[in-house]
Structure formats: C-alpha cells, structure tokens
C-alpha atoms as a PDB file:
ATOM      1  CA  MET A   1      24.425  15.209   1.041  1.00  0.00           C
ATOM      2  CA  GLN A   2      21.118  15.678   2.889  1.00  0.00           C
ATOM      3  CA  PRO A   3      19.865  19.187   3.654  1.00  0.00           C
ATOM      4  CA  THR A   4      19.701  19.932   7.379  1.00  0.00           C
ATOM      5  CA  SER A   5      16.001  20.775   7.205  1.00  0.00           C
ATOM      6  CA  GLY A   6      15.120  17.174   6.308  1.00  0.00           C
ATOM      7  CA  GLN A   7      13.391  18.291   3.143  1.00  0.00           C
ATOM      8  CA  GLY A   8      15.075  17.325  -0.119  1.00  0.00           C
ATOM      9  CA  SER A   9      14.765  19.236  -3.351  1.00  0.00           C
ATOM     10  CA  SER A  10      12.266  18.076  -5.933  1.00  0.00           C
ATOM     11  CA  THR A  11      15.151  16.707  -8.029  1.00  0.00           C
ATOM     12  CA  GLU A  12      16.420  14.623  -5.107  1.00  0.00           C
ATOM     13  CA  GLU A  13      12.887  13.439  -4.360  1.00  0.00           C
ATOM     14  CA  GLY A  14      12.364  12.451  -7.990  1.00  0.00           C
ATOM     15  CA  GLU A  15      15.618  10.531  -7.959  1.00  0.00           C
ATOM     16  CA  LEU A  16      14.643   8.703  -4.754  1.00  0.00           C
ATOM     17  CA  ILE A  17      11.226   7.836  -6.178  1.00  0.00           C
ATOM     18  CA  GLY A  18      12.975   6.706  -9.362  1.00  0.00           C
ATOM     19  CA  HIS A  19      14.837   4.113  -7.290  1.00  0.00           C
ATOM     20  CA  LEU A  20      12.147   3.250  -4.742  1.00  0.00           C
ATOM     21  CA  ASP A  21       9.259   2.508  -7.100  1.00  0.00           C
ATOM     22  CA  PRO A  22      11.113  -0.033  -9.298  1.00  0.00           C
ATOM     23  CA  MET A  23      12.422  -1.732  -6.150  1.00  0.00           C
ATOM     24  CA  ALA A  24       8.891  -1.970  -4.754  1.00  0.00           C
ATOM     25  CA  TRP A  25       7.599  -3.441  -8.021  1.00  0.00           C
ATOM     26  CA  ALA A  26      10.468  -5.939  -8.105  1.00  0.00           C
ATOM     27  CA  ILE A  27       9.686  -7.086  -4.565  1.00  0.00           C
ATOM     28  CA  PHE A  28       5.989  -7.350  -5.516  1.00  0.00           C
ATOM     29  CA  ILE A  29       6.826  -9.610  -8.485  1.00  0.00           C
ATOM     30  CA  ILE A  30       9.133 -11.719  -6.294  1.00  0.00           C
ATOM     31  CA  TRP A  31       6.277 -12.044  -3.778  1.00  0.00           C
ATOM     32  CA  ILE A  32       3.878 -13.243  -6.494  1.00  0.00           C
ATOM     33  CA  GLY A  33       6.425 -15.802  -7.743  1.00  0.00           C
ATOM     34  CA  THR A  34       7.107 -17.046  -4.219  1.00  0.00           C
ATOM     35  CA  ALA A  35       3.397 -17.358  -3.487  1.00  0.00           C
ATOM     36  CA  MET A  36       2.876 -19.348  -6.676  1.00  0.00           C
ATOM     37  CA  LEU A  37       5.911 -21.560  -6.073  1.00  0.00           C
ATOM     38  CA  VAL A  38       4.841 -22.627  -2.571  1.00  0.00           C
ATOM     39  CA  ALA A  39       1.099 -22.629  -3.352  1.00  0.00           C
ATOM     40  CA  MET A  40       0.517 -20.036  -0.652  1.00  0.00           C
ATOM     41  CA  PRO A  41      -3.058 -19.745   0.644  1.00  0.00           C
ATOM     42  CA  TRP A  42      -4.905 -16.661  -0.566  1.00  0.00           C
ATOM     43  CA  GLY A  43      -5.177 -15.091   2.906  1.00  0.00           C
ATOM     44  CA  TRP A  44      -1.438 -15.232   3.543  1.00  0.00           C
ATOM     45  CA  PHE A  45      -0.752 -13.807   0.096  1.00  0.00           C
ATOM     46  CA  LEU A  46      -2.966 -10.821   0.891  1.00  0.00           C
ATOM     47  CA  VAL A  47      -1.318 -10.329   4.295  1.00  0.00           C
ATOM     48  CA  GLY A  48       2.095 -10.266   2.628  1.00  0.00           C
ATOM     49  CA  LEU A  49       0.865  -7.906  -0.075  1.00  0.00           C
ATOM     50  CA  GLY A  50      -0.530  -5.531   2.537  1.00  0.00           C
ATOM     51  CA  ILE A  51       2.763  -5.614   4.436  1.00  0.00           C
ATOM     52  CA  LEU A  52       4.725  -4.906   1.237  1.00  0.00           C
ATOM     53  CA  ILE A  53       2.548  -1.921   0.359  1.00  0.00           C
ATOM     54  CA  MET A  54       2.732  -0.500   3.883  1.00  0.00           C
ATOM     55  CA  ALA A  55       6.515  -1.061   3.976  1.00  0.00           C
ATOM     56  CA  ALA A  56       6.902   0.875   0.721  1.00  0.00           C
ATOM     57  CA  GLN A  57       4.964   3.779   2.212  1.00  0.00           C
ATOM     58  CA  LEU A  58       7.041   3.588   5.395  1.00  0.00           C
ATOM     59  CA  ALA A  59      10.186   3.748   3.243  1.00  0.00           C
ATOM     60  CA  ARG A  60       8.777   6.851   1.526  1.00  0.00           C
ATOM     61  CA  SER A  61       8.174   8.399   4.930  1.00  0.00           C
ATOM     62  CA  GLN A  62      11.706   7.612   6.113  1.00  0.00           C
ATOM     63  CA  MET A  63      13.122   9.226   2.950  1.00  0.00           C
ATOM     64  CA  ASN A  64      11.017  12.381   3.470  1.00  0.00           C
ATOM     65  CA  ILE A  65       8.942  11.580   0.384  1.00  0.00           C
ATOM     66  CA  LYS A  66       5.210  12.242   0.462  1.00  0.00           C
ATOM     67  CA  ILE A  67       3.215   9.188   1.550  1.00  0.00           C
ATOM     68  CA  GLU A  68       0.514   8.176  -0.921  1.00  0.00           C
ATOM     69  CA  GLY A  69      -2.784   7.826   0.931  1.00  0.00           C
ATOM     70  CA  PHE A  70      -4.267   5.751  -1.865  1.00  0.00           C
ATOM     71  CA  TRP A  71      -1.625   3.038  -1.371  1.00  0.00           C
ATOM     72  CA  VAL A  72      -1.887   3.205   2.419  1.00  0.00           C
ATOM     73  CA  ALA A  73      -5.618   2.560   2.072  1.00  0.00           C
ATOM     74  CA  TRP A  74      -5.066  -0.387  -0.289  1.00  0.00           C
ATOM     75  CA  GLY A  75      -2.316  -1.771   1.938  1.00  0.00           C
ATOM     76  CA  ALA A  76      -4.715  -1.672   4.872  1.00  0.00           C
ATOM     77  CA  VAL A  77      -7.457  -3.322   2.796  1.00  0.00           C
ATOM     78  CA  PHE A  78      -5.158  -6.167   1.726  1.00  0.00           C
ATOM     79  CA  LEU A  79      -3.755  -6.607   5.229  1.00  0.00           C
ATOM     80  CA  ILE A  80      -7.148  -6.623   6.940  1.00  0.00           C
ATOM     81  CA  GLY A  81      -8.698  -8.785   4.231  1.00  0.00           C
ATOM     82  CA  GLY A  82      -5.875 -11.311   4.456  1.00  0.00           C
ATOM     83  CA  LEU A  83      -6.006 -11.441   8.246  1.00  0.00           C
ATOM     84  CA  TRP A  84      -9.781 -11.787   8.050  1.00  0.00           C
ATOM     85  CA  THR A  85      -9.325 -14.900   5.897  1.00  0.00           C
ATOM     86  CA  VAL A  86      -6.388 -16.310   7.887  1.00  0.00           C
ATOM     87  CA  LEU A  87      -8.290 -15.873  11.157  1.00  0.00           C
ATOM     88  CA  ASN A  88     -11.281 -17.631   9.560  1.00  0.00           C
ATOM     89  CA  PHE A  89     -13.746 -14.756   9.742  1.00  0.00           C
ATOM     90  CA  ALA A  90     -14.510 -15.323   6.055  1.00  0.00           C
ATOM     91  CA  SER A  91     -18.204 -15.929   6.704  1.00  0.00           C
ATOM     92  CA  TRP A  92     -18.604 -12.269   7.699  1.00  0.00           C
ATOM     93  CA  PRO A  93     -19.018  -9.937   4.696  1.00  0.00           C
ATOM     94  CA  LEU A  94     -15.880  -7.844   5.283  1.00  0.00           C
ATOM     95  CA  THR A  95     -14.739  -7.377   1.701  1.00  0.00           C
ATOM     96  CA  PRO A  96     -17.912  -5.755   0.363  1.00  0.00           C
ATOM     97  CA  ILE A  97     -18.101  -3.481   3.414  1.00  0.00           C
ATOM     98  CA  ILE A  98     -14.467  -2.350   3.061  1.00  0.00           C
ATOM     99  CA  LEU A  99     -14.840  -1.773  -0.666  1.00  0.00           C
ATOM    100  CA  ILE A 100     -18.002   0.281  -0.120  1.00  0.00           C
ATOM    101  CA  LEU A 101     -16.328   2.363   2.608  1.00  0.00           C
ATOM    102  CA  LEU A 102     -13.215   2.871   0.486  1.00  0.00           C
ATOM    103  CA  GLY A 103     -15.351   3.948  -2.456  1.00  0.00           C
ATOM    104  CA  VAL A 104     -17.307   6.386  -0.298  1.00  0.00           C
ATOM    105  CA  VAL A 105     -14.074   7.911   1.053  1.00  0.00           C
ATOM    106  CA  LEU A 106     -12.577   8.259  -2.432  1.00  0.00           C
ATOM    107  CA  LEU A 107     -15.802   9.746  -3.796  1.00  0.00           C
ATOM    108  CA  GLY A 108     -15.967  12.194  -0.893  1.00  0.00           C
ATOM    109  CA  LYS A 109     -12.371  13.299  -1.493  1.00  0.00           C
ATOM    110  CA  ALA A 110     -13.108  13.795  -5.201  1.00  0.00           C
ATOM    111  CA  ILE A 111     -16.230  15.867  -4.472  1.00  0.00           C
ATOM    112  CA  ILE A 112     -14.388  18.007  -1.917  1.00  0.00           C
ATOM    113  CA  SER A 113     -11.533  18.657  -4.353  1.00  0.00           C
ATOM    114  CA  ILE A 114     -14.037  19.768  -7.034  1.00  0.00           C
ATOM    115  CA  ARG A 115     -15.603  22.296  -4.656  1.00  0.00           C
ATOM    116  CA  ARG A 116     -12.230  23.920  -3.892  1.00  0.00           C
END
C-alpha cells in the first residue's frame, strides 16, 4: 500500500532498493555476457551500459527513491563516450576532457561539503 503523499517510509525505500540494486546488477552481467557472445564493438557496449545506468536511475525516480547523481554522471559519460565512438568522433579527445570535468565536479562537491 503506497502512502498518498508519494513518499515511502525508509523501511519501504530500503526494501525497494534491496530489490532494485540486485536486478540492476543482474541486467549488467547479462549485458556483459551478451556483448561478449556477439563480439559487440566497444562503442555499442558503452552506449548500452550508459542506457542501463540511466534506466536504473529512472526506475529509482519512478519508485520515489533518491536518484544517485554519481551514477547519473557515469551513465552520461558512458553514453556520450559510446556515441562518440559509434559516430566516429574518436579522433577528438573526448574521454580525457570528460574525465577531467567529472573529476573537477566531484572535487568541487567534496570541497563544498567540507566547508559546510
């Protein structure tokens, strides 16, 4: 029974996470096995990985569970990196730039949280 406010108790949220996370890991392992079985190109593997990560965060959102920004960022990195390769922009140095920007953002968040 869902509360009318849309916000579940912490026990309900923990139970949902307890089911969602193992399902997400299972789908991730299935994706790796499928990619290996069909010798999937690296770019398409990354696109699929990014979609899986973003779908897991969307599922969290639909279940009124807090979205994890860290995984949204990594999902975006994998998705953009995979599309970059699939669309043959590989000669442009996207990966180092994204990793540097991601590191700067994470460092900034850590510094801000220390100051509070």
